[in-house]
Amino acid sequence: MKRHAVLLVLLAACADATSSSGGPSLGGAKDTTQFPSAADLDKLRAREKPALKFAETVRDVGDWKLVGPLATTLSDDAALASTLWEKTLLAAVAKRSGLWTMGKDMQCAARELGRYYLEKNGSPPGPLKDFITGRCGSTGVSLQTSWVEGDPNGASDERLFEAWRDDVKKQIDHFAAAPRSIGVFYGRKGNKAVIFLASVERKATITPMSLVPAADGTVTVEGEVLQHYNRVSAHINRGEFSYADCTMDLSVLLPKFRFFCPADPKDTAAWIDVSAWEPGRYLGAVIAGVLALPKGTAAAPAAFVSQRLAAAAKQLSTTAAFLDRVNVVRSAAKLAPMELEEQQSALSAELAPFYFAAQFGEIEETISDKVALGVMAGWSVGVPIVDGDFTSSYLGGAKDPAAMVAALMARPHGRETLLKPLATRLAVGVLEAKEGASLGAIVASYVPSSTIALDKETDTFIDRVNAERKKRGKPEITAQTLVDTEESEVRQALATHKWTPRQALDRLLQGRVSQRRQGLRGWEMIGESTATLGLPAEILDIERLVLTIVVGKQRDRKGPWERVVALVTIEPE
């Protein structure tokens, strides 16, 4: 008899974009003050590299059909305990009332995962695990599996239960005392029997809902976070290569949330990821996932279809092959190709063992945050950058970079990193197992400063203001810029740090006041693009106004990124 336990963490890092509307400084900038310095990363690299102990036998069989029944709605229904093993689990759940549940969702997941293990003598790859839990209606994260297996030697189910019960109870007790949903499967095939446990952590509860969009094409996801978070967001996959933001219902306040997600009606299934941020932390994480059925229940897939990319040329290194496959996907999505940042990739590869060891609980958890932030910072990127995104993946049973790219494309957070239109620089830190077939990678994409055209940024801001004013029934603004010489002077002063954004705004306001302007107000706004800057209420609500804008760029004095700086003044028309 053998006992096994495996943890699958949904590896995702979401960067917080904060904004402030309480004063004259307004932004939509990612808070780069939390980035570790290059020296901090050097200290981490100098430590002894951890030996990753994560081990799982993965059998990738490509396409796979589930036996069902599968979910067409999300529910919180409890599962019925009819077998000896189910009654054993239910008794354990009862001892942790209020924390653990034995729902129909994880009973389904345990059945499908256990059946796979029994038939293939190994675990399914990550994307198939996600598909199984999603089609079973589970919304939890950090899938953890544990099983007891052996040769029953012709023993009856009752005899086997008596012989293995204590070992299974120990496996159950190994699950953390946190909000969890757990299921159990018992199966036999030939001279093999397995009791398979599957559990996910519940960091949010999702209100029972239909997985099919409403008549307007939106999927409404609402629920409540179970930990202390101060911000949540949601994204949905659309089609083969796209994703979209879900609109938050601002009338619903944390700990509750409600999102309206625009589904693509041609998709048979589409992942919606809900992410959240703890107070004071720059990185967020996925706290719930919903596998929606945009094309309806009749088209709901019962079989997993492996989204394989053709393998890259064999002579390419793993890193080069990863870049090659990313650019194949970007080409299909009609996006510009990425270039590899070789020095940053080498640095990321040195940090990858620390990141994954922290993710799998072998060293301090905070180390993964430090690595993710340090890689996102891009200290070794060869060009000035204004934005960065981070994701990661660990594949057991495969060393194929194409499979890893396909796995990252399966969820919105992976698409956000690989498919951001202006992100044309890529760093990949590869971790290849010395023994066995497994591959890990920490991945960052960067937006070069050179892609930010300041005149276009000016137009984008004005267009956004007019679009928002139109929604409120307000007339378009009268927009104006400085004469070329004055605009160039302001931009140069920002770029060379001659003026801070506040000093530049003060000079702009003084110039307007000297012309005896009445009712003059101004803001300096800082972010990665004027497309994401917060808009002051006054700009949107005053009936008629004149808006003057200057857009420049300035690099953080203590950080690695350049920032777009918009200086805006308004006055009644």
Protein backbone atom coordinates (compact mmCIF):
# COMPACT_ATOMS: atom_id res chain seq x y z
CA MET A 1 0.00 0.00 0.00
CA LYS A 2 1.28 3.47 -0.92
CA ARG A 3 0.29 6.93 0.30
CA HIS A 4 0.70 10.07 -1.77
CA ALA A 5 -0.03 13.78 -1.40
CA VAL A 6 0.30 16.44 -4.07
CA LEU A 7 -0.37 20.17 -4.02
CA LEU A 8 -1.14 22.10 -7.19
CA VAL A 9 -0.91 25.85 -6.65
CA LEU A 10 -2.49 28.15 -9.19
CA LEU A 11 0.63 30.16 -9.83
CA ALA A 12 -0.36 33.70 -10.61
CA ALA A 13 0.78 37.12 -9.59
CA CYS A 14 -1.40 40.11 -10.30
CA ALA A 15 0.06 43.57 -9.92
CA ASP A 16 -1.91 46.16 -8.02
CA ALA A 17 -2.76 49.38 -9.83
CA THR A 18 -3.69 51.95 -7.23
CA SER A 19 -5.41 55.26 -7.66
CA SER A 20 -6.14 58.21 -5.44
CA SER A 21 -8.89 60.75 -5.84
CA GLY A 22 -8.55 62.65 -2.59
CA GLY A 23 -6.22 65.43 -3.76
CA PRO A 24 -4.56 67.10 -6.70
CA SER A 25 -2.36 64.07 -7.44
CA LEU A 26 -4.28 61.38 -9.27
CA GLY A 27 -3.00 58.19 -10.85
CA GLY A 28 -3.48 54.68 -12.06
CA ALA A 29 0.11 53.64 -11.50
CA LYS A 30 1.43 50.35 -10.24
CA ASP A 31 3.16 51.03 -6.95
CA THR A 32 6.81 50.42 -7.80
CA THR A 33 7.98 51.43 -4.32
CA GLN A 34 7.54 47.81 -3.21
CA PHE A 35 10.00 46.49 -5.79
CA PRO A 36 13.08 44.90 -4.22
CA SER A 37 16.31 46.55 -5.29
CA ALA A 38 18.82 44.91 -7.60
CA ALA A 39 21.07 44.50 -4.54
CA ASP A 40 18.30 42.67 -2.68
CA LEU A 41 17.99 40.22 -5.56
CA ASP A 42 21.76 39.71 -5.63
CA LYS A 43 21.65 38.73 -1.93
CA LEU A 44 18.92 36.20 -2.65
CA ARG A 45 20.83 34.72 -5.59
CA ALA A 46 23.88 34.30 -3.36
CA ARG A 47 21.98 31.96 -1.02
CA GLU A 48 22.18 28.22 -1.45
CA LYS A 49 19.63 27.21 -4.03
CA PRO A 50 16.83 25.04 -2.62
CA ALA A 51 16.40 21.54 -3.98
CA LEU A 52 12.83 21.40 -5.22
CA LYS A 53 11.15 18.33 -3.73
CA PHE A 54 7.87 18.64 -5.59
CA ALA A 55 7.35 15.32 -7.34
CA GLU A 56 4.34 13.99 -9.17
CA THR A 57 3.97 11.35 -11.84
CA VAL A 58 2.05 13.06 -14.62
CA ARG A 59 0.64 11.18 -17.59
CA ASP A 60 -0.42 13.44 -20.43
CA VAL A 61 -2.76 11.52 -22.72
CA GLY A 62 -3.94 14.55 -24.69
CA ASP A 63 -7.73 14.61 -25.04
CA TRP A 64 -9.77 13.07 -22.23
CA LYS A 65 -13.49 12.46 -21.77
CA LEU A 66 -15.16 12.92 -18.40
CA VAL A 67 -17.84 10.50 -17.26
CA GLY A 68 -20.12 13.05 -15.57
CA PRO A 69 -22.55 14.16 -14.43
CA LEU A 70 -21.02 17.63 -14.81
CA ALA A 71 -22.12 21.07 -13.69
CA THR A 72 -24.23 23.51 -15.70
CA THR A 73 -24.82 25.72 -12.66
CA LEU A 74 -22.82 26.55 -9.57
CA SER A 75 -24.34 25.33 -6.34
CA ASP A 76 -23.35 24.90 -2.74
CA ASP A 77 -25.22 21.61 -2.36
CA ALA A 78 -23.72 19.08 0.01
CA ALA A 79 -22.90 15.64 -1.36
CA LEU A 80 -24.71 12.57 -0.06
CA ALA A 81 -22.53 10.03 1.77
CA SER A 82 -23.50 6.56 0.60
CA THR A 83 -20.20 4.61 0.62
CA LEU A 84 -18.01 3.76 3.58
CA TRP A 85 -15.29 6.12 2.35
CA GLU A 86 -17.74 8.98 1.84
CA LYS A 87 -19.10 8.46 5.36
CA THR A 88 -15.54 8.50 6.71
CA LEU A 89 -14.84 11.81 5.00
CA LEU A 90 -18.18 13.27 6.09
CA ALA A 91 -17.34 12.43 9.71
CA ALA A 92 -14.02 14.27 9.37
CA VAL A 93 -15.79 17.25 7.78
CA ALA A 94 -18.30 17.35 10.64
CA LYS A 95 -15.41 17.73 13.12
CA ARG A 96 -14.34 20.87 11.25
CA SER A 97 -17.79 22.33 10.84
CA GLY A 98 -17.67 25.84 9.42
CA LEU A 99 -14.30 25.23 7.75
CA TRP A 100 -14.66 22.12 5.61
CA THR A 101 -17.46 21.09 3.29
CA MET A 102 -18.10 17.93 1.32
CA GLY A 103 -19.86 19.36 -1.70
CA LYS A 104 -21.09 17.85 -4.92
CA ASP A 105 -18.43 19.85 -6.78
CA MET A 106 -15.45 18.17 -5.15
CA GLN A 107 -17.10 14.76 -5.09
CA CYS A 108 -17.31 15.13 -8.86
CA ALA A 109 -13.69 16.33 -9.05
CA ALA A 110 -12.41 13.49 -6.85
CA ARG A 111 -14.28 10.99 -9.03
CA GLU A 112 -12.85 12.33 -12.30
CA LEU A 113 -9.30 12.79 -10.98
CA GLY A 114 -9.34 9.43 -9.23
CA ARG A 115 -10.63 7.65 -12.31
CA TYR A 116 -7.83 9.20 -14.36
CA TYR A 117 -5.23 8.06 -11.83
CA LEU A 118 -6.68 4.57 -11.69
CA GLU A 119 -6.67 4.17 -15.46
CA LYS A 120 -3.41 5.97 -16.32
CA ASN A 121 -1.34 5.35 -13.18
CA GLY A 122 -0.54 9.03 -12.93
CA SER A 123 -2.02 12.48 -12.54
CA PRO A 124 -3.42 14.59 -15.38
CA PRO A 125 -1.52 17.70 -16.53
CA GLY A 126 -2.42 21.06 -15.02
CA PRO A 127 -4.83 22.33 -17.72
CA LEU A 128 -6.81 19.07 -17.52
CA LYS A 129 -6.95 19.32 -13.72
CA ASP A 130 -8.36 22.83 -14.11
CA PHE A 131 -10.89 21.62 -16.67
CA ILE A 132 -12.04 18.82 -14.36
CA THR A 133 -12.55 21.05 -11.33
CA GLY A 134 -14.19 23.74 -13.46
CA ARG A 135 -16.64 21.40 -15.22
CA CYS A 136 -17.48 19.89 -11.85
CA GLY A 137 -18.52 23.34 -10.66
CA SER A 138 -15.70 23.94 -8.20
CA THR A 139 -14.50 27.53 -7.77
CA GLY A 140 -11.75 26.91 -5.20
CA VAL A 141 -8.00 27.31 -5.66
CA SER A 142 -4.80 25.44 -4.79
CA LEU A 143 -5.97 21.95 -5.69
CA GLN A 144 -4.50 19.37 -3.32
CA THR A 145 -4.75 15.65 -3.95
CA SER A 146 -3.90 12.68 -1.77
CA TRP A 147 -4.43 8.99 -2.27
CA VAL A 148 -3.86 5.52 -0.90
CA GLU A 149 -3.36 2.70 -3.40
CA GLY A 150 -2.37 -0.94 -3.46
CA ASP A 151 -3.19 -4.47 -4.53
CA PRO A 152 -6.41 -5.60 -2.82
CA ASN A 153 -5.39 -9.28 -3.26
CA GLY A 154 -8.99 -10.22 -3.84
CA ALA A 155 -10.24 -8.63 -0.61
CA SER A 156 -13.81 -7.37 -0.53
CA ASP A 157 -14.55 -3.64 -0.39
CA GLU A 158 -15.48 -4.04 3.29
CA ARG A 159 -12.21 -5.85 4.12
CA LEU A 160 -10.24 -3.23 2.24
CA PHE A 161 -12.00 -0.47 4.15
CA GLU A 162 -11.02 -2.05 7.49
CA ALA A 163 -7.42 -2.47 6.34
CA TRP A 164 -6.91 1.02 4.85
CA ARG A 165 -9.23 3.17 6.95
CA ASP A 166 -6.59 4.46 9.36
CA ASP A 167 -4.21 5.41 6.55
CA VAL A 168 -6.94 7.29 4.73
CA LYS A 169 -7.89 9.13 7.92
CA LYS A 170 -4.27 10.26 8.26
CA GLN A 171 -4.35 11.55 4.68
CA ILE A 172 -7.53 13.48 5.45
CA ASP A 173 -5.99 14.97 8.59
CA HIS A 174 -3.04 16.27 6.56
CA PHE A 175 -5.29 18.81 4.83
CA ALA A 176 -4.85 22.25 6.36
CA ALA A 177 -7.44 23.51 8.84
CA ALA A 178 -8.63 26.28 6.50
CA PRO A 179 -11.87 26.75 4.57
CA ARG A 180 -11.84 23.80 2.17
CA SER A 181 -14.10 21.71 -0.01
CA ILE A 182 -13.15 18.03 -0.14
CA GLY A 183 -14.28 14.95 -2.07
CA VAL A 184 -13.35 11.26 -2.09
CA PHE A 185 -13.37 8.54 -4.76
CA TYR A 186 -12.91 4.80 -4.37
CA GLY A 187 -12.19 2.64 -7.40
CA ARG A 188 -10.74 -0.72 -8.40
CA LYS A 189 -9.28 -1.96 -11.65
CA GLY A 190 -7.61 -5.37 -11.99
CA ASN A 191 -5.09 -5.80 -9.19
CA LYS A 192 -5.19 -2.14 -8.19
CA ALA A 193 -7.43 -0.21 -5.81
CA VAL A 194 -7.25 3.49 -4.96
CA ILE A 195 -8.90 5.83 -2.48
CA PHE A 196 -8.45 9.29 -3.95
CA LEU A 197 -8.99 12.56 -2.06
CA ALA A 198 -9.25 15.95 -3.75
CA SER A 199 -9.50 19.30 -1.99
CA VAL A 200 -9.47 22.99 -2.87
CA GLU A 201 -9.08 26.00 -0.63
CA ARG A 202 -12.05 28.36 -0.47
CA LYS A 203 -10.81 31.95 -0.33
CA ALA A 204 -14.18 33.22 -1.54
CA THR A 205 -17.70 31.90 -1.73
CA ILE A 206 -19.44 32.27 -5.07
CA THR A 207 -23.21 32.71 -5.03
CA PRO A 208 -25.05 29.88 -6.82
CA MET A 209 -25.44 30.90 -10.45
CA SER A 210 -26.02 29.75 -13.99
CA LEU A 211 -22.83 29.20 -15.96
CA VAL A 212 -24.63 30.32 -19.12
CA PRO A 213 -24.60 34.06 -19.95
CA ALA A 214 -27.70 36.21 -19.74
CA ALA A 215 -29.45 37.44 -22.88
CA ASP A 216 -27.04 40.39 -23.12
CA GLY A 217 -24.04 38.02 -23.21
CA THR A 218 -22.72 38.77 -19.73
CA VAL A 219 -21.95 36.31 -16.96
CA THR A 220 -22.63 37.69 -13.50
CA VAL A 221 -20.26 36.46 -10.80
CA GLU A 222 -20.98 37.51 -7.25
CA GLY A 223 -19.85 36.31 -3.89
CA GLU A 224 -17.94 37.15 -0.75
CA VAL A 225 -14.26 37.00 0.16
CA LEU A 226 -13.36 34.89 3.19
CA GLN A 227 -10.12 36.70 4.03
CA HIS A 228 -9.21 40.35 4.51
CA TYR A 229 -8.73 41.90 1.08
CA ASN A 230 -8.99 45.54 0.08
CA ARG A 231 -9.37 45.12 -3.67
CA VAL A 232 -10.76 42.56 -6.10
CA SER A 233 -10.90 42.29 -9.88
CA ALA A 234 -12.01 39.73 -12.46
CA HIS A 235 -11.12 38.79 -16.04
CA ILE A 236 -12.62 36.41 -18.59
CA ASN A 237 -11.11 34.52 -21.52
CA ARG A 238 -12.57 35.42 -24.91
CA GLY A 239 -11.92 33.28 -27.94
CA GLU A 240 -8.63 31.59 -28.59
CA PHE A 241 -6.34 34.55 -27.98
CA SER A 242 -8.14 37.25 -26.04
CA TYR A 243 -9.35 38.19 -22.59
CA ALA A 244 -11.42 41.03 -21.14
CA ASP A 245 -11.88 42.88 -17.88
CA CYS A 246 -15.08 42.21 -15.99
CA THR A 247 -17.00 45.28 -14.83
CA MET A 248 -17.29 45.66 -11.08
CA ASP A 249 -20.62 46.64 -9.56
CA LEU A 250 -19.49 49.63 -7.49
CA SER A 251 -22.66 49.52 -5.40
CA VAL A 252 -21.46 46.24 -3.83
CA LEU A 253 -18.82 46.73 -1.16
CA LEU A 254 -16.24 44.30 0.18
CA PRO A 255 -16.32 41.70 1.61
CA LYS A 256 -19.04 41.12 -1.04
CA PHE A 257 -18.44 41.62 -4.76
CA ARG A 258 -20.29 41.42 -8.07
CA PHE A 259 -18.79 41.37 -11.58
CA PHE A 260 -20.33 41.46 -15.03
CA CYS A 261 -18.14 39.52 -17.47
CA PRO A 262 -18.53 39.88 -21.28
CA ALA A 263 -18.45 36.35 -22.69
CA ASP A 264 -17.76 35.44 -26.31
CA PRO A 265 -20.89 33.55 -27.46
CA LYS A 266 -18.75 31.30 -29.69
CA ASP A 267 -16.84 29.85 -26.71
CA THR A 268 -18.03 26.50 -25.41
CA ALA A 269 -16.19 27.21 -22.14
CA ALA A 270 -14.38 30.27 -20.79
CA TRP A 271 -12.46 30.77 -17.56
CA ILE A 272 -13.29 33.69 -15.29
CA ASP A 273 -10.61 34.41 -12.68
CA VAL A 274 -11.37 36.52 -9.61
CA SER A 275 -8.23 38.04 -8.08
CA ALA A 276 -7.75 39.85 -4.78
CA TRP A 277 -5.16 41.90 -2.93
CA GLU A 278 -4.35 41.92 0.77
CA PRO A 279 -3.83 45.38 2.32
CA GLY A 280 -0.30 46.61 1.81
CA ARG A 281 0.63 43.92 -0.72
CA TYR A 282 1.50 44.81 -4.28
CA LEU A 283 0.83 41.33 -5.67
CA GLY A 284 -2.58 39.79 -5.75
CA ALA A 285 -3.60 36.20 -6.39
CA VAL A 286 -6.46 34.31 -7.96
CA ILE A 287 -8.96 33.51 -5.19
CA ALA A 288 -11.70 31.87 -7.29
CA GLY A 289 -12.22 30.53 -10.79
CA VAL A 290 -15.47 29.96 -12.66
CA LEU A 291 -15.61 27.94 -15.89
CA ALA A 292 -18.51 29.60 -17.73
CA LEU A 293 -20.42 28.03 -20.63
CA PRO A 294 -20.98 30.91 -23.08
CA LYS A 295 -22.43 28.75 -25.88
CA GLY A 296 -25.02 27.20 -23.58
CA THR A 297 -25.54 23.89 -21.80
CA ALA A 298 -26.20 21.94 -25.00
CA ALA A 299 -22.66 22.76 -26.19
CA ALA A 300 -21.06 22.33 -22.74
CA PRO A 301 -17.91 20.23 -23.25
CA ALA A 302 -17.70 16.84 -21.55
CA ALA A 303 -14.27 16.17 -23.05
CA PHE A 304 -11.02 18.01 -22.54
CA VAL A 305 -9.37 18.92 -25.83
CA SER A 306 -5.66 19.51 -25.37
CA GLN A 307 -4.69 22.90 -26.78
CA ARG A 308 -1.35 21.84 -28.18
CA LEU A 309 1.08 24.12 -29.97
CA ALA A 310 3.44 22.55 -32.45
CA ALA A 311 6.86 22.05 -30.90
CA ALA A 312 9.62 24.55 -31.64
CA ALA A 313 12.72 23.59 -33.61
CA LYS A 314 14.80 21.06 -31.65
CA GLN A 315 18.01 23.04 -31.95
CA LEU A 316 16.54 25.90 -29.90
CA SER A 317 17.26 26.20 -26.20
CA THR A 318 14.32 25.90 -23.82
CA THR A 319 14.23 29.68 -23.35
CA ALA A 320 14.44 30.39 -27.09
CA ALA A 321 11.78 27.77 -27.79
CA PHE A 322 9.46 29.41 -25.24
CA LEU A 323 9.89 32.79 -26.95
CA ASP A 324 9.35 31.18 -30.35
CA ARG A 325 6.05 29.62 -29.27
CA VAL A 326 4.88 32.86 -27.63
CA ASN A 327 5.48 34.68 -30.88
CA VAL A 328 3.54 32.03 -32.80
CA VAL A 329 0.57 32.78 -30.55
CA ARG A 330 1.05 36.55 -30.82
CA SER A 331 1.23 36.29 -34.60
CA ALA A 332 -2.07 34.40 -34.65
CA ALA A 333 -3.52 37.11 -32.42
CA LYS A 334 -2.19 39.76 -34.84
CA LEU A 335 0.18 41.22 -32.25
CA ALA A 336 3.77 42.38 -32.67
CA PRO A 337 6.43 39.78 -31.78
CA MET A 338 8.35 39.91 -28.52
CA GLU A 339 12.11 40.16 -28.14
CA LEU A 340 13.97 38.17 -25.51
CA GLU A 341 15.71 40.08 -22.74
CA GLU A 342 18.65 37.69 -22.33
CA GLN A 343 20.31 39.29 -19.30
CA GLN A 344 17.00 39.56 -17.43
CA SER A 345 16.16 35.96 -18.42
CA ALA A 346 19.47 34.74 -16.98
CA LEU A 347 18.74 36.59 -13.73
CA SER A 348 15.22 35.14 -13.64
CA ALA A 349 16.58 31.62 -14.13
CA GLU A 350 18.78 32.04 -11.05
CA LEU A 351 15.76 33.19 -9.03
CA ALA A 352 13.34 30.52 -10.29
CA PRO A 353 14.35 27.79 -7.75
CA PHE A 354 13.62 30.17 -4.86
CA TYR A 355 10.26 31.16 -6.33
CA PHE A 356 8.98 27.62 -6.82
CA ALA A 357 10.34 26.39 -3.49
CA ALA A 358 8.38 29.19 -1.78
CA GLN A 359 5.25 28.39 -3.80
CA PHE A 360 5.42 24.75 -2.72
CA GLY A 361 5.99 25.61 0.94
CA GLU A 362 9.61 24.51 1.20
CA ILE A 363 10.99 27.96 2.14
CA GLU A 364 9.42 31.20 3.37
CA GLU A 365 6.30 32.12 1.39
CA THR A 366 7.35 35.77 1.15
CA ILE A 367 10.31 34.79 -1.03
CA SER A 368 7.96 34.15 -3.96
CA ASP A 369 6.67 37.72 -3.66
CA LYS A 370 10.20 39.09 -3.64
CA VAL A 371 11.14 37.12 -6.75
CA ALA A 372 7.94 38.02 -8.62
CA LEU A 373 8.35 41.72 -7.82
CA GLY A 374 12.05 41.68 -8.62
CA VAL A 375 11.49 40.02 -11.99
CA MET A 376 8.60 42.35 -12.79
CA ALA A 377 10.80 45.33 -11.96
CA GLY A 378 13.10 44.37 -14.83
CA TRP A 379 16.32 45.76 -13.38
CA SER A 380 18.32 44.00 -16.11
CA VAL A 381 16.04 44.85 -19.03
CA GLY A 382 18.11 46.60 -21.67
CA VAL A 383 15.66 49.39 -22.52
CA PRO A 384 13.62 51.85 -20.41
CA ILE A 385 10.21 50.34 -19.57
CA VAL A 386 6.91 51.76 -18.35
CA ASP A 387 5.07 48.60 -17.33
CA GLY A 388 5.57 44.93 -16.55
CA ASP A 389 3.47 41.84 -15.86
CA PHE A 390 4.35 38.51 -14.28
CA THR A 391 3.08 34.95 -14.42
CA SER A 392 4.47 31.49 -13.83
CA SER A 393 3.83 27.85 -14.52
CA TYR A 394 5.12 24.49 -13.37
CA LEU A 395 4.41 21.46 -15.54
CA GLY A 396 4.92 17.94 -14.31
CA GLY A 397 5.29 15.29 -16.95
CA ALA A 398 6.50 17.60 -19.70
CA LYS A 399 9.62 19.50 -20.69
CA ASP A 400 8.04 21.00 -23.79
CA PRO A 401 8.00 24.83 -23.84
CA ALA A 402 5.08 24.69 -26.28
CA ALA A 403 3.02 22.82 -23.68
CA MET A 404 3.88 25.47 -21.10
CA VAL A 405 2.83 28.33 -23.38
CA ALA A 406 -0.45 26.50 -24.08
CA ALA A 407 -0.99 26.04 -20.33
CA LEU A 408 -0.44 29.75 -19.66
CA MET A 409 -2.87 30.65 -22.42
CA ALA A 410 -5.60 28.60 -20.72
CA ARG A 411 -6.27 31.23 -18.04
CA PRO A 412 -6.80 35.02 -18.18
CA HIS A 413 -3.78 35.87 -15.98
CA GLY A 414 -1.45 34.05 -18.38
CA ARG A 415 -2.96 35.74 -21.41
CA GLU A 416 -2.58 39.13 -19.77
CA THR A 417 1.20 38.63 -19.53
CA LEU A 418 1.76 37.05 -22.96
CA LEU A 419 -0.75 39.00 -25.06
CA LYS A 420 -0.56 42.60 -23.85
CA PRO A 421 -0.36 44.50 -27.17
CA LEU A 422 2.39 46.97 -26.20
CA ALA A 423 4.47 44.42 -24.26
CA THR A 424 7.23 43.56 -26.74
CA ARG A 425 10.00 42.46 -24.35
CA LEU A 426 10.02 39.09 -22.60
CA ALA A 427 12.11 37.52 -19.85
CA VAL A 428 11.85 33.81 -19.09
CA GLY A 429 13.48 32.14 -16.10
CA VAL A 430 13.49 28.41 -16.78
CA LEU A 431 13.75 25.69 -14.14
CA GLU A 432 14.27 22.19 -15.55
CA ALA A 433 14.18 19.17 -13.28
CA LYS A 434 17.45 17.22 -13.27
CA GLU A 435 15.49 14.00 -13.04
CA GLY A 436 12.10 13.27 -14.52
CA ALA A 437 10.05 15.28 -16.94
CA SER A 438 9.07 18.60 -15.39
CA LEU A 439 9.55 22.21 -16.36
CA GLY A 440 8.98 25.45 -14.49
CA ALA A 441 9.20 29.02 -15.71
CA ILE A 442 8.77 32.47 -14.25
CA VAL A 443 7.75 34.85 -17.02
CA ALA A 444 7.62 38.62 -17.27
CA SER A 445 6.60 40.85 -20.15
CA TYR A 446 7.56 44.50 -20.40
CA VAL A 447 6.26 47.56 -22.21
CA PRO A 448 9.20 49.60 -23.57
CA SER A 449 9.02 53.33 -23.00
CA SER A 450 9.63 53.83 -26.72
CA THR A 451 6.15 52.47 -27.49
CA ILE A 452 4.55 55.35 -25.62
CA ALA A 453 3.91 58.22 -28.07
CA LEU A 454 3.22 61.32 -25.98
CA ASP A 455 0.99 63.03 -28.54
CA LYS A 456 -1.10 59.86 -28.83
CA GLU A 457 -1.28 59.66 -25.04
CA THR A 458 -2.65 63.21 -25.06
CA ASP A 459 -5.34 62.27 -27.57
CA THR A 460 -6.21 59.13 -25.59
CA PHE A 461 -6.81 61.16 -22.43
CA ILE A 462 -9.03 63.69 -24.19
CA ASP A 463 -11.02 60.94 -25.90
CA ARG A 464 -11.54 59.15 -22.57
CA VAL A 465 -12.77 62.33 -20.90
CA ASN A 466 -15.24 63.06 -23.70
CA ALA A 467 -16.50 59.46 -23.73
CA GLU A 468 -17.13 59.53 -19.97
CA ARG A 469 -18.79 62.96 -20.18
CA LYS A 470 -21.07 61.70 -22.94
CA LYS A 471 -22.26 58.90 -20.64
CA ARG A 472 -23.19 61.60 -18.11
CA GLY A 473 -24.98 63.76 -20.66
CA LYS A 474 -22.28 66.46 -20.61
CA PRO A 475 -20.97 68.32 -23.69
CA GLU A 476 -17.45 67.72 -25.00
CA ILE A 477 -14.64 69.72 -23.43
CA THR A 478 -12.69 72.43 -25.18
CA ALA A 479 -9.24 70.84 -25.19
CA GLN A 480 -6.00 72.71 -25.69
CA THR A 481 -2.27 72.03 -25.42
CA LEU A 482 0.70 74.33 -24.92
CA VAL A 483 2.56 75.83 -27.82
CA ASP A 484 5.29 73.50 -29.06
CA THR A 485 8.19 75.31 -27.35
CA GLU A 486 6.46 75.38 -23.96
CA GLU A 487 5.35 71.76 -24.28
CA SER A 488 8.89 70.66 -25.15
CA GLU A 489 10.30 72.60 -22.18
CA VAL A 490 7.93 70.85 -19.76
CA ARG A 491 8.61 67.42 -21.22
CA GLN A 492 12.38 67.97 -21.08
CA ALA A 493 12.22 69.22 -17.49
CA LEU A 494 10.32 66.09 -16.46
CA ALA A 495 12.59 63.71 -18.36
CA THR A 496 15.74 65.19 -16.79
CA HIS A 497 14.23 65.45 -13.29
CA LYS A 498 14.66 69.22 -13.37
CA TRP A 499 11.07 69.39 -12.16
CA THR A 500 8.98 66.95 -10.21
CA PRO A 501 5.46 66.41 -11.55
CA ARG A 502 4.14 68.66 -8.77
CA GLN A 503 6.62 71.43 -9.64
CA ALA A 504 5.68 71.15 -13.30
CA LEU A 505 1.99 71.45 -12.43
CA ASP A 506 2.63 74.44 -10.17
CA ARG A 507 4.40 76.23 -13.03
CA LEU A 508 1.56 75.40 -15.39
CA LEU A 509 -1.00 76.73 -12.89
CA GLN A 510 1.07 79.88 -12.27
CA GLY A 511 1.15 80.54 -15.98
CA ARG A 512 -2.61 80.20 -16.26
CA VAL A 513 -3.19 82.38 -13.15
CA SER A 514 -0.95 85.08 -14.59
CA GLN A 515 -3.42 85.21 -17.47
CA ARG A 516 -6.18 85.94 -14.89
CA ARG A 517 -7.97 82.63 -15.31
CA GLN A 518 -10.95 82.17 -12.99
CA GLY A 519 -11.94 78.90 -11.30
CA LEU A 520 -8.66 77.25 -12.28
CA ARG A 521 -7.85 73.77 -10.94
CA GLY A 522 -5.12 71.29 -11.77
CA TRP A 523 -3.84 67.76 -11.23
CA GLU A 524 -0.68 65.80 -11.89
CA MET A 525 -1.47 62.20 -12.84
CA ILE A 526 1.10 59.41 -12.95
CA GLY A 527 0.80 55.94 -14.44
CA GLU A 528 1.83 53.59 -17.22
CA SER A 529 -0.59 55.16 -19.71
CA THR A 530 -3.26 57.84 -19.90
CA ALA A 531 -5.61 54.99 -20.83
CA THR A 532 -5.57 53.82 -17.19
CA LEU A 533 -5.31 57.08 -15.24
CA GLY A 534 -8.09 57.96 -12.83
CA LEU A 535 -10.35 60.81 -13.92
CA PRO A 536 -11.27 63.49 -11.35
CA ALA A 537 -15.00 63.96 -10.86
CA GLU A 538 -14.74 67.69 -11.61
CA ILE A 539 -13.51 67.00 -15.13
CA LEU A 540 -16.53 64.82 -15.77
CA ASP A 541 -19.26 66.79 -13.97
CA ILE A 542 -18.68 70.50 -14.72
CA GLU A 543 -21.10 71.50 -17.47
CA ARG A 544 -18.71 73.36 -19.76
CA LEU A 545 -14.98 73.62 -19.33
CA VAL A 546 -11.65 74.24 -21.01
CA LEU A 547 -9.01 71.56 -20.38
CA THR A 548 -5.31 72.09 -20.88
CA ILE A 549 -3.04 69.04 -20.91
CA VAL A 550 0.67 68.29 -21.17
CA VAL A 551 1.90 64.68 -21.23
CA GLY A 552 5.51 63.74 -20.52
CA LYS A 553 7.55 60.90 -19.05
CA GLN A 554 9.76 60.60 -15.99
CA ARG A 555 11.72 57.71 -14.55
CA ASP A 556 11.23 56.83 -10.89
CA ARG A 557 14.26 58.07 -8.94
CA LYS A 558 14.42 54.87 -6.90
CA GLY A 559 12.68 52.50 -9.27
CA PRO A 560 13.32 50.90 -12.65
CA TRP A 561 10.31 52.16 -14.58
CA GLU A 562 9.51 55.34 -16.43
CA ARG A 563 6.09 56.82 -15.72
CA VAL A 564 3.70 58.70 -17.95
CA VAL A 565 2.97 62.07 -16.34
CA ALA A 566 -0.16 63.99 -17.35
CA LEU A 567 -0.46 67.60 -16.18
CA VAL A 568 -4.05 68.78 -16.47
CA THR A 569 -5.75 72.08 -15.69
CA ILE A 570 -9.41 72.98 -16.09
CA GLU A 571 -11.43 76.18 -15.95
CA PRO A 572 -15.04 77.02 -16.71
CA GLU A 573 -15.66 77.90 -20.33
